[in-house]
Amino acid sequence: MISNLLAGLLGYPLGHTVSPVLHRAAAAQFNMDLNYFPFEVEKHNLKDALKGMQVLGFSGCNVTIPYKEHILEFVTEQSDVVKFLGAANTLTFRGNMIFADNTDWEGFLRSWDESGLGSIEGKSAVILGAGGAADAVFYALVRRGIKETYIFNRDKERGEKLAEKFAGSYPNLQCKAYALSYKSGLSSILKTADILINTTPSGMHPAPENMPVSIPSTINESLVYYDLIYNPVKTKLAQELEKRGIKTACGLGMLVHQAALAFKRWFGMEPNPAPMFEKAMEILGK
């Protein structure tokens, strides 16, 4: 057995995380004794936390809300994807070097395919939120040939910056941004939109009664919905859409696949995601 391997997670808060379960399930497939620690670290302590992990011999760490962008201040190298997105979810430690990568976008696409939500190419999508997670999802959609995107974010200006970044790099992409409060605009767009994706934390445990938006009376009957939230597995918004006959998927698949990809970055071996998914469902089911 390969022992004394260390990895972790940086974020705040972390009461909802199942990442330790996922990575232990991954390590078990290779007979590895992995210790994976969730560290609730306040923003002003991030640099010291990274230094501490380096000193202790950590192989790497994951980064989650709200530090996927801020963490880049303290890394020494960035992948091309991270340079474009401006957000990282996976750090790999090699000596004094900290390499930042992003496995969220690929994890999203693998989960999308597993969920059977259909083709993305040539479609139109509504993205709720404009943070680091939205960035990765947007990138994934573009890689698959999305035609139109509509960003709805609480801070319209941030949504506009995200739209401008992608429009500047992908001139054939049609992209607009609106305030999340622009309900009539959202209502109009959802009449024809093919895809709706929630990247906001609204509806996540411990406030599962919340919804990022209200569903208008008329929506595209062929709409598909992906919610990055995985706890609860079925958010209130997903439940409401399913009542309308809309196919939905939760973010657990994305979480599992990004974790498997991160594990490969650290240890050079890619685990089977199925046992990881099963272990996570055991925890969430309780």
C-alpha atoms as a PDB file:
ATOM      1  CA  MET A   1       0.000   0.000   0.000  1.00  0.00           C
ATOM      2  CA  ILE A   2       1.232   3.479  -0.899  1.00  0.00           C
ATOM      3  CA  SER A   3       0.936   5.402   2.372  1.00  0.00           C
ATOM      4  CA  ASN A   4       1.286   8.870   3.831  1.00  0.00           C
ATOM      5  CA  LEU A   5      -0.170  10.644   0.828  1.00  0.00           C
ATOM      6  CA  LEU A   6      -1.708  14.029   1.577  1.00  0.00           C
ATOM      7  CA  ALA A   7      -4.210  16.202  -0.297  1.00  0.00           C
ATOM      8  CA  GLY A   8      -6.875  18.693   0.715  1.00  0.00           C
ATOM      9  CA  LEU A   9      -9.556  21.208  -0.087  1.00  0.00           C
ATOM     10  CA  LEU A  10      -9.549  24.981   0.429  1.00  0.00           C
ATOM     11  CA  GLY A  11     -12.806  26.898   0.727  1.00  0.00           C
ATOM     12  CA  TYR A  12     -15.168  28.651   3.100  1.00  0.00           C
ATOM     13  CA  PRO A  13     -17.514  27.299   4.326  1.00  0.00           C
ATOM     14  CA  LEU A  14     -17.080  23.550   3.758  1.00  0.00           C
ATOM     15  CA  GLY A  15     -19.841  21.989   5.817  1.00  0.00           C
ATOM     16  CA  HIS A  16     -21.489  20.568   2.681  1.00  0.00           C
ATOM     17  CA  THR A  17     -18.430  18.977   1.083  1.00  0.00           C
ATOM     18  CA  VAL A  18     -18.196  15.308   0.070  1.00  0.00           C
ATOM     19  CA  SER A  19     -14.751  15.733  -1.518  1.00  0.00           C
ATOM     20  CA  PRO A  20     -12.945  13.669   1.157  1.00  0.00           C
ATOM     21  CA  VAL A  21     -15.279  10.743   0.433  1.00  0.00           C
ATOM     22  CA  LEU A  22     -14.682  11.051  -3.310  1.00  0.00           C
ATOM     23  CA  HIS A  23     -10.908  11.067  -3.040  1.00  0.00           C
ATOM     24  CA  ARG A  24     -10.768   8.232  -0.544  1.00  0.00           C
ATOM     25  CA  ALA A  25     -12.900   6.172  -2.938  1.00  0.00           C
ATOM     26  CA  ALA A  26     -10.491   7.072  -5.735  1.00  0.00           C
ATOM     27  CA  ALA A  27      -7.423   6.136  -3.676  1.00  0.00           C
ATOM     28  CA  ALA A  28      -8.928   2.796  -2.641  1.00  0.00           C
ATOM     29  CA  GLN A  29      -8.939   1.719  -6.293  1.00  0.00           C
ATOM     30  CA  PHE A  30      -5.137   1.879  -6.312  1.00  0.00           C
ATOM     31  CA  ASN A  31      -4.556   0.586  -2.781  1.00  0.00           C
ATOM     32  CA  MET A  32      -3.369   4.017  -1.717  1.00  0.00           C
ATOM     33  CA  ASP A  33      -3.562   5.332   1.838  1.00  0.00           C
ATOM     34  CA  LEU A  34      -4.625   8.899   1.114  1.00  0.00           C
ATOM     35  CA  ASN A  35      -5.357  11.457   3.798  1.00  0.00           C
ATOM     36  CA  TYR A  36      -7.606  14.178   2.386  1.00  0.00           C
ATOM     37  CA  PHE A  37      -8.415  17.175   4.564  1.00  0.00           C
ATOM     38  CA  PRO A  38     -11.028  19.912   4.088  1.00  0.00           C
ATOM     39  CA  PHE A  39      -9.585  23.211   5.319  1.00  0.00           C
ATOM     40  CA  GLU A  40     -11.992  26.056   6.074  1.00  0.00           C
ATOM     41  CA  VAL A  41      -9.613  28.963   5.605  1.00  0.00           C
ATOM     42  CA  GLU A  42     -10.423  32.654   5.710  1.00  0.00           C
ATOM     43  CA  LYS A  43      -9.225  34.731   2.773  1.00  0.00           C
ATOM     44  CA  HIS A  44      -6.394  36.484   4.595  1.00  0.00           C
ATOM     45  CA  ASN A  45      -4.895  33.102   5.563  1.00  0.00           C
ATOM     46  CA  LEU A  46      -4.843  31.506   2.098  1.00  0.00           C
ATOM     47  CA  LYS A  47      -1.166  32.162   1.386  1.00  0.00           C
ATOM     48  CA  ASP A  48      -0.102  30.693   4.725  1.00  0.00           C
ATOM     49  CA  ALA A  49      -2.380  27.680   4.217  1.00  0.00           C
ATOM     50  CA  LEU A  50      -0.737  26.903   0.879  1.00  0.00           C
ATOM     51  CA  LYS A  51       2.724  27.280   2.381  1.00  0.00           C
ATOM     52  CA  GLY A  52       1.761  24.956   5.215  1.00  0.00           C
ATOM     53  CA  MET A  53       0.585  22.272   2.793  1.00  0.00           C
ATOM     54  CA  GLN A  54       3.829  22.560   0.848  1.00  0.00           C
ATOM     55  CA  VAL A  55       5.916  22.208   4.000  1.00  0.00           C
ATOM     56  CA  LEU A  56       3.902  19.164   5.100  1.00  0.00           C
ATOM     57  CA  GLY A  57       4.399  17.430   1.764  1.00  0.00           C
ATOM     58  CA  PHE A  58       0.917  17.629   0.261  1.00  0.00           C
ATOM     59  CA  SER A  59       0.636  16.388  -3.324  1.00  0.00           C
ATOM     60  CA  GLY A  60      -2.063  18.919  -4.124  1.00  0.00           C
ATOM     61  CA  CYS A  61      -5.360  20.460  -3.185  1.00  0.00           C
ATOM     62  CA  ASN A  62      -8.724  21.364  -4.612  1.00  0.00           C
ATOM     63  CA  VAL A  63     -10.082  24.906  -4.407  1.00  0.00           C
ATOM     64  CA  THR A  64     -13.765  25.737  -4.115  1.00  0.00           C
ATOM     65  CA  ILE A  65     -16.084  28.670  -3.373  1.00  0.00           C
ATOM     66  CA  PRO A  66     -15.119  31.472  -2.891  1.00  0.00           C
ATOM     67  CA  TYR A  67     -11.407  31.174  -3.734  1.00  0.00           C
ATOM     68  CA  LYS A  68     -11.149  29.822  -7.295  1.00  0.00           C
ATOM     69  CA  GLU A  69     -10.097  33.213  -8.606  1.00  0.00           C
ATOM     70  CA  HIS A  70      -8.328  34.714  -5.591  1.00  0.00           C
ATOM     71  CA  ILE A  71      -6.049  31.662  -5.203  1.00  0.00           C
ATOM     72  CA  LEU A  72      -4.209  32.617  -8.395  1.00  0.00           C
ATOM     73  CA  GLU A  73      -2.365  35.345  -6.489  1.00  0.00           C
ATOM     74  CA  PHE A  74      -0.321  32.647  -4.774  1.00  0.00           C
ATOM     75  CA  VAL A  75       0.523  30.125  -7.521  1.00  0.00           C
ATOM     76  CA  THR A  76       3.719  29.947  -9.564  1.00  0.00           C
ATOM     77  CA  GLU A  77       2.355  28.433 -12.786  1.00  0.00           C
ATOM     78  CA  GLN A  78      -1.000  28.327 -14.553  1.00  0.00           C
ATOM     79  CA  SER A  79      -2.385  26.103 -17.289  1.00  0.00           C
ATOM     80  CA  ASP A  80      -3.560  27.783 -20.484  1.00  0.00           C
ATOM     81  CA  VAL A  81      -7.173  27.146 -19.454  1.00  0.00           C
ATOM     82  CA  VAL A  82      -6.636  28.859 -16.100  1.00  0.00           C
ATOM     83  CA  LYS A  83      -4.946  31.812 -17.807  1.00  0.00           C
ATOM     84  CA  PHE A  84      -8.036  32.255 -19.966  1.00  0.00           C
ATOM     85  CA  LEU A  85     -10.663  31.585 -17.309  1.00  0.00           C
ATOM     86  CA  GLY A  86      -8.963  33.345 -14.433  1.00  0.00           C
ATOM     87  CA  ALA A  87     -10.110  30.566 -12.078  1.00  0.00           C
ATOM     88  CA  ALA A  88      -8.568  27.333 -10.794  1.00  0.00           C
ATOM     89  CA  ASN A  89     -10.002  24.403  -8.864  1.00  0.00           C
ATOM     90  CA  THR A  90      -6.943  22.150  -8.745  1.00  0.00           C
ATOM     91  CA  LEU A  91      -3.466  22.920  -7.413  1.00  0.00           C
ATOM     92  CA  THR A  92      -0.514  20.554  -7.719  1.00  0.00           C
ATOM     93  CA  PHE A  93       2.551  20.948  -5.477  1.00  0.00           C
ATOM     94  CA  ARG A  94       6.005  20.106  -6.833  1.00  0.00           C
ATOM     95  CA  GLY A  95       8.789  21.317  -4.556  1.00  0.00           C
ATOM     96  CA  ASN A  96       8.483  25.089  -4.339  1.00  0.00           C
ATOM     97  CA  MET A  97       6.160  25.217  -7.346  1.00  0.00           C
ATOM     98  CA  ILE A  98       2.367  25.469  -7.242  1.00  0.00           C
ATOM     99  CA  PHE A  99       0.714  24.614 -10.555  1.00  0.00           C
ATOM    100  CA  ALA A 100      -2.879  25.802 -11.036  1.00  0.00           C
ATOM    101  CA  ASP A 101      -5.270  23.943 -13.323  1.00  0.00           C
ATOM    102  CA  ASN A 102      -9.009  23.762 -13.929  1.00  0.00           C
ATOM    103  CA  THR A 103     -10.785  20.406 -14.235  1.00  0.00           C
ATOM    104  CA  ASP A 104     -14.290  21.839 -13.731  1.00  0.00           C
ATOM    105  CA  TRP A 105     -15.018  22.401 -17.416  1.00  0.00           C
ATOM    106  CA  GLU A 106     -14.057  18.884 -18.482  1.00  0.00           C
ATOM    107  CA  GLY A 107     -15.845  17.415 -15.463  1.00  0.00           C
ATOM    108  CA  PHE A 108     -18.968  19.304 -16.514  1.00  0.00           C
ATOM    109  CA  LEU A 109     -18.842  17.891 -20.050  1.00  0.00           C
ATOM    110  CA  ARG A 110     -18.319  14.330 -18.850  1.00  0.00           C
ATOM    111  CA  SER A 111     -21.273  14.689 -16.500  1.00  0.00           C
ATOM    112  CA  TRP A 112     -23.376  16.290 -19.243  1.00  0.00           C
ATOM    113  CA  ASP A 113     -22.760  13.327 -21.530  1.00  0.00           C
ATOM    114  CA  GLU A 114     -23.502  10.795 -18.790  1.00  0.00           C
ATOM    115  CA  SER A 115     -26.764  12.568 -17.991  1.00  0.00           C
ATOM    116  CA  GLY A 116     -27.968  12.253 -21.580  1.00  0.00           C
ATOM    117  CA  LEU A 117     -28.881  15.921 -21.940  1.00  0.00           C
ATOM    118  CA  GLY A 118     -28.189  15.944 -25.656  1.00  0.00           C
ATOM    119  CA  SER A 119     -26.072  17.942 -28.063  1.00  0.00           C
ATOM    120  CA  ILE A 120     -24.733  21.404 -27.241  1.00  0.00           C
ATOM    121  CA  GLU A 121     -23.561  22.395 -30.707  1.00  0.00           C
ATOM    122  CA  GLY A 122     -25.632  25.109 -32.323  1.00  0.00           C
ATOM    123  CA  LYS A 123     -27.877  25.504 -29.260  1.00  0.00           C
ATOM    124  CA  SER A 124     -28.754  28.483 -27.046  1.00  0.00           C
ATOM    125  CA  ALA A 125     -28.076  28.492 -23.316  1.00  0.00           C
ATOM    126  CA  VAL A 126     -29.045  30.572 -20.306  1.00  0.00           C
ATOM    127  CA  ILE A 127     -26.413  30.659 -17.552  1.00  0.00           C
ATOM    128  CA  LEU A 128     -27.430  31.799 -14.077  1.00  0.00           C
ATOM    129  CA  GLY A 129     -24.440  33.346 -12.295  1.00  0.00           C
ATOM    130  CA  ALA A 130     -21.114  34.760 -13.470  1.00  0.00           C
ATOM    131  CA  GLY A 131     -18.539  33.512 -10.968  1.00  0.00           C
ATOM    132  CA  GLY A 132     -15.654  31.065 -11.368  1.00  0.00           C
ATOM    133  CA  ALA A 133     -17.982  28.102 -11.875  1.00  0.00           C
ATOM    134  CA  ALA A 134     -19.910  29.953 -14.587  1.00  0.00           C
ATOM    135  CA  ASP A 135     -16.619  30.706 -16.312  1.00  0.00           C
ATOM    136  CA  ALA A 136     -15.739  26.997 -16.505  1.00  0.00           C
ATOM    137  CA  VAL A 137     -19.221  26.019 -17.689  1.00  0.00           C
ATOM    138  CA  PHE A 138     -19.187  28.759 -20.323  1.00  0.00           C
ATOM    139  CA  TYR A 139     -15.823  27.473 -21.556  1.00  0.00           C
ATOM    140  CA  ALA A 140     -17.197  23.921 -21.741  1.00  0.00           C
ATOM    141  CA  LEU A 141     -20.195  25.076 -23.774  1.00  0.00           C
ATOM    142  CA  VAL A 142     -17.965  26.986 -26.174  1.00  0.00           C
ATOM    143  CA  ARG A 143     -15.740  23.943 -26.637  1.00  0.00           C
ATOM    144  CA  ARG A 144     -18.847  22.037 -27.706  1.00  0.00           C
ATOM    145  CA  GLY A 145     -19.994  24.680 -30.183  1.00  0.00           C
ATOM    146  CA  ILE A 146     -22.713  26.592 -28.332  1.00  0.00           C
ATOM    147  CA  LYS A 147     -24.251  29.268 -30.586  1.00  0.00           C
ATOM    148  CA  GLU A 148     -25.926  31.699 -28.163  1.00  0.00           C
ATOM    149  CA  THR A 149     -25.484  32.384 -24.468  1.00  0.00           C
ATOM    150  CA  TYR A 150     -27.440  34.596 -22.112  1.00  0.00           C
ATOM    151  CA  ILE A 151     -25.887  35.350 -18.729  1.00  0.00           C
ATOM    152  CA  PHE A 152     -28.138  36.404 -15.868  1.00  0.00           C
ATOM    153  CA  ASN A 153     -26.222  37.544 -12.813  1.00  0.00           C
ATOM    154  CA  ARG A 154     -27.070  39.551  -9.702  1.00  0.00           C
ATOM    155  CA  ASP A 155     -24.260  41.953 -10.621  1.00  0.00           C
ATOM    156  CA  LYS A 156     -24.953  42.783 -14.281  1.00  0.00           C
ATOM    157  CA  GLU A 157     -21.529  44.364 -14.759  1.00  0.00           C
ATOM    158  CA  ARG A 158     -19.759  41.148 -13.800  1.00  0.00           C
ATOM    159  CA  GLY A 159     -21.939  39.236 -16.237  1.00  0.00           C
ATOM    160  CA  GLU A 160     -21.071  41.708 -18.972  1.00  0.00           C
ATOM    161  CA  LYS A 161     -17.348  41.272 -18.337  1.00  0.00           C
ATOM    162  CA  LEU A 162     -17.730  37.497 -18.661  1.00  0.00           C
ATOM    163  CA  ALA A 163     -19.703  37.897 -21.889  1.00  0.00           C
ATOM    164  CA  GLU A 164     -17.144  40.319 -23.327  1.00  0.00           C
ATOM    165  CA  LYS A 165     -14.256  38.003 -22.544  1.00  0.00           C
ATOM    166  CA  PHE A 166     -15.785  35.095 -24.451  1.00  0.00           C
ATOM    167  CA  ALA A 167     -17.136  37.239 -27.280  1.00  0.00           C
ATOM    168  CA  GLY A 168     -13.658  38.662 -27.779  1.00  0.00           C
ATOM    169  CA  SER A 169     -12.089  35.224 -28.105  1.00  0.00           C
ATOM    170  CA  TYR A 170     -14.933  33.560 -30.010  1.00  0.00           C
ATOM    171  CA  PRO A 171     -16.245  36.079 -32.585  1.00  0.00           C
ATOM    172  CA  ASN A 172     -18.962  33.733 -33.902  1.00  0.00           C
ATOM    173  CA  LEU A 173     -20.483  33.403 -30.449  1.00  0.00           C
ATOM    174  CA  GLN A 174     -23.567  35.471 -29.661  1.00  0.00           C
ATOM    175  CA  CYS A 175     -23.528  36.470 -26.007  1.00  0.00           C
ATOM    176  CA  LYS A 176     -25.482  38.922 -23.879  1.00  0.00           C
ATOM    177  CA  ALA A 177     -25.643  39.630 -20.160  1.00  0.00           C
ATOM    178  CA  TYR A 178     -28.508  40.834 -17.991  1.00  0.00           C
ATOM    179  CA  ALA A 179     -29.282  41.454 -14.349  1.00  0.00           C
ATOM    180  CA  LEU A 180     -30.850  38.492 -12.585  1.00  0.00           C
ATOM    181  CA  SER A 181     -33.681  40.832 -11.621  1.00  0.00           C
ATOM    182  CA  TYR A 182     -34.650  41.282 -15.308  1.00  0.00           C
ATOM    183  CA  LYS A 183     -37.484  38.789 -15.031  1.00  0.00           C
ATOM    184  CA  SER A 184     -39.331  39.743 -18.208  1.00  0.00           C
ATOM    185  CA  GLY A 185     -36.148  39.258 -20.236  1.00  0.00           C
ATOM    186  CA  LEU A 186     -35.517  35.845 -18.729  1.00  0.00           C
ATOM    187  CA  SER A 187     -39.135  34.877 -19.327  1.00  0.00           C
ATOM    188  CA  SER A 188     -38.877  35.820 -22.991  1.00  0.00           C
ATOM    189  CA  ILE A 189     -35.583  34.002 -23.566  1.00  0.00           C
ATOM    190  CA  LEU A 190     -36.726  30.785 -21.865  1.00  0.00           C
ATOM    191  CA  LYS A 191     -39.513  30.452 -24.430  1.00  0.00           C
ATOM    192  CA  THR A 192     -36.911  29.409 -26.995  1.00  0.00           C
ATOM    193  CA  ALA A 193     -33.697  28.589 -25.058  1.00  0.00           C
ATOM    194  CA  ASP A 194     -32.443  24.996 -25.327  1.00  0.00           C
ATOM    195  CA  ILE A 195     -30.363  24.871 -22.138  1.00  0.00           C
ATOM    196  CA  LEU A 196     -30.641  26.346 -18.624  1.00  0.00           C
ATOM    197  CA  ILE A 197     -27.717  26.050 -16.219  1.00  0.00           C
ATOM    198  CA  ASN A 198     -27.547  27.229 -12.609  1.00  0.00           C
ATOM    199  CA  THR A 199     -24.040  28.056 -11.370  1.00  0.00           C
ATOM    200  CA  THR A 200     -25.211  30.055  -8.332  1.00  0.00           C
ATOM    201  CA  PRO A 201     -25.347  28.602  -4.784  1.00  0.00           C
ATOM    202  CA  SER A 202     -29.049  29.471  -4.457  1.00  0.00           C
ATOM    203  CA  GLY A 203     -30.896  26.365  -3.309  1.00  0.00           C
ATOM    204  CA  MET A 204     -27.853  24.703  -1.785  1.00  0.00           C
ATOM    205  CA  HIS A 205     -27.868  23.186   1.698  1.00  0.00           C
ATOM    206  CA  PRO A 206     -28.582  24.578   4.297  1.00  0.00           C
ATOM    207  CA  ALA A 207     -31.184  26.679   2.421  1.00  0.00           C
ATOM    208  CA  PRO A 208     -32.744  24.189  -0.029  1.00  0.00           C
ATOM    209  CA  GLU A 209     -36.011  26.163  -0.158  1.00  0.00           C
ATOM    210  CA  ASN A 210     -34.350  28.936  -2.196  1.00  0.00           C
ATOM    211  CA  MET A 211     -34.430  29.223  -5.993  1.00  0.00           C
ATOM    212  CA  PRO A 212     -32.177  31.441  -8.133  1.00  0.00           C
ATOM    213  CA  VAL A 213     -35.133  32.354 -10.400  1.00  0.00           C
ATOM    214  CA  SER A 214     -38.847  31.700 -10.741  1.00  0.00           C
ATOM    215  CA  ILE A 215     -39.926  29.656 -13.739  1.00  0.00           C
ATOM    216  CA  PRO A 216     -42.210  31.566 -16.120  1.00  0.00           C
ATOM    217  CA  SER A 217     -45.490  30.036 -17.241  1.00  0.00           C
ATOM    218  CA  THR A 218     -44.247  29.398 -20.795  1.00  0.00           C
ATOM    219  CA  ILE A 219     -40.876  27.773 -21.499  1.00  0.00           C
ATOM    220  CA  ASN A 220     -39.388  25.729 -24.306  1.00  0.00           C
ATOM    221  CA  GLU A 221     -40.758  22.203 -23.885  1.00  0.00           C
ATOM    222  CA  SER A 222     -37.407  20.825 -25.086  1.00  0.00           C
ATOM    223  CA  LEU A 223     -35.414  22.762 -22.482  1.00  0.00           C
ATOM    224  CA  VAL A 224     -32.855  20.778 -20.449  1.00  0.00           C
ATOM    225  CA  TYR A 225     -31.589  21.886 -17.036  1.00  0.00           C
ATOM    226  CA  TYR A 226     -28.249  21.346 -15.304  1.00  0.00           C
ATOM    227  CA  ASP A 227     -27.766  22.479 -11.707  1.00  0.00           C
ATOM    228  CA  LEU A 228     -24.209  22.632 -10.371  1.00  0.00           C
ATOM    229  CA  ILE A 229     -25.580  22.142  -6.852  1.00  0.00           C
ATOM    230  CA  TYR A 230     -25.327  18.554  -5.582  1.00  0.00           C
ATOM    231  CA  ASN A 231     -26.529  18.964  -2.001  1.00  0.00           C
ATOM    232  CA  PRO A 232     -29.453  18.496  -2.188  1.00  0.00           C
ATOM    233  CA  VAL A 233     -29.280  16.208  -5.205  1.00  0.00           C
ATOM    234  CA  LYS A 234     -32.605  17.626  -6.397  1.00  0.00           C
ATOM    235  CA  THR A 235     -32.871  21.362  -5.801  1.00  0.00           C
ATOM    236  CA  LYS A 236     -36.237  23.046  -5.541  1.00  0.00           C
ATOM    237  CA  LEU A 237     -35.774  24.552  -9.003  1.00  0.00           C
ATOM    238  CA  ALA A 238     -34.955  21.137 -10.482  1.00  0.00           C
ATOM    239  CA  GLN A 239     -38.065  19.675  -8.860  1.00  0.00           C
ATOM    240  CA  GLU A 240     -40.236  22.466 -10.234  1.00  0.00           C
ATOM    241  CA  LEU A 241     -38.859  21.950 -13.734  1.00  0.00           C
ATOM    242  CA  GLU A 242     -39.332  18.200 -13.584  1.00  0.00           C
ATOM    243  CA  LYS A 243     -43.005  18.792 -12.790  1.00  0.00           C
ATOM    244  CA  ARG A 244     -43.126  20.588 -16.134  1.00  0.00           C
ATOM    245  CA  GLY A 245     -41.602  17.597 -17.923  1.00  0.00           C
ATOM    246  CA  ILE A 246     -38.099  19.091 -18.175  1.00  0.00           C
ATOM    247  CA  LYS A 247     -35.098  16.752 -18.026  1.00  0.00           C
ATOM    248  CA  THR A 248     -32.667  17.758 -15.278  1.00  0.00           C
ATOM    249  CA  ALA A 249     -29.276  16.763 -13.879  1.00  0.00           C
ATOM    250  CA  CYS A 250     -27.437  17.730 -10.704  1.00  0.00           C
ATOM    251  CA  GLY A 251     -23.848  18.756 -10.156  1.00  0.00           C
ATOM    252  CA  LEU A 252     -22.709  15.587  -8.407  1.00  0.00           C
ATOM    253  CA  GLY A 253     -21.541  14.106 -11.700  1.00  0.00           C
ATOM    254  CA  MET A 254     -19.455  17.195 -12.404  1.00  0.00           C
ATOM    255  CA  LEU A 255     -18.032  17.071  -8.882  1.00  0.00           C
ATOM    256  CA  VAL A 256     -17.065  13.408  -9.260  1.00  0.00           C
ATOM    257  CA  HIS A 257     -15.437  13.847 -12.647  1.00  0.00           C
ATOM    258  CA  GLN A 258     -13.496  16.985 -11.737  1.00  0.00           C
ATOM    259  CA  ALA A 259     -12.245  15.128  -8.659  1.00  0.00           C
ATOM    260  CA  ALA A 260     -11.148  12.132 -10.734  1.00  0.00           C
ATOM    261  CA  LEU A 261      -9.290  14.446 -13.103  1.00  0.00           C
ATOM    262  CA  ALA A 262      -7.654  16.278 -10.178  1.00  0.00           C
ATOM    263  CA  PHE A 263      -6.601  12.938  -8.681  1.00  0.00           C
ATOM    264  CA  LYS A 264      -4.909  12.083 -11.987  1.00  0.00           C
ATOM    265  CA  ARG A 265      -3.069  15.428 -11.942  1.00  0.00           C
ATOM    266  CA  TRP A 266      -1.642  14.654  -8.507  1.00  0.00           C
ATOM    267  CA  PHE A 267      -0.860  10.940  -8.751  1.00  0.00           C
ATOM    268  CA  GLY A 268      -0.753  10.098 -12.468  1.00  0.00           C
ATOM    269  CA  MET A 269      -3.614   7.584 -12.293  1.00  0.00           C
ATOM    270  CA  GLU A 270      -7.229   8.231 -13.279  1.00  0.00           C
ATOM    271  CA  PRO A 271      -9.796   6.447 -11.079  1.00  0.00           C
ATOM    272  CA  ASN A 272     -13.096   4.934 -12.161  1.00  0.00           C
ATOM    273  CA  PRO A 273     -15.735   7.557 -11.254  1.00  0.00           C
ATOM    274  CA  ALA A 274     -18.520   5.018 -10.576  1.00  0.00           C
ATOM    275  CA  PRO A 275     -17.370   3.970  -7.044  1.00  0.00           C
ATOM    276  CA  MET A 276     -16.765   7.620  -6.218  1.00  0.00           C
ATOM    277  CA  PHE A 277     -20.320   8.507  -7.243  1.00  0.00           C
ATOM    278  CA  GLU A 278     -21.753   5.646  -5.191  1.00  0.00           C
ATOM    279  CA  LYS A 279     -19.888   6.699  -2.040  1.00  0.00           C
ATOM    280  CA  ALA A 280     -21.015  10.286  -2.436  1.00  0.00           C
ATOM    281  CA  MET A 281     -24.641   9.224  -2.853  1.00  0.00           C
ATOM    282  CA  GLU A 282     -24.399   7.202   0.368  1.00  0.00           C
ATOM    283  CA  ILE A 283     -23.396  10.340   2.240  1.00  0.00           C
ATOM    284  CA  LEU A 284     -25.926  12.618   0.564  1.00  0.00           C
ATOM    285  CA  GLY A 285     -28.677  10.061   1.071  1.00  0.00           C
ATOM    286  CA  LYS A 286     -28.191  10.352   4.821  1.00  0.00           C
END
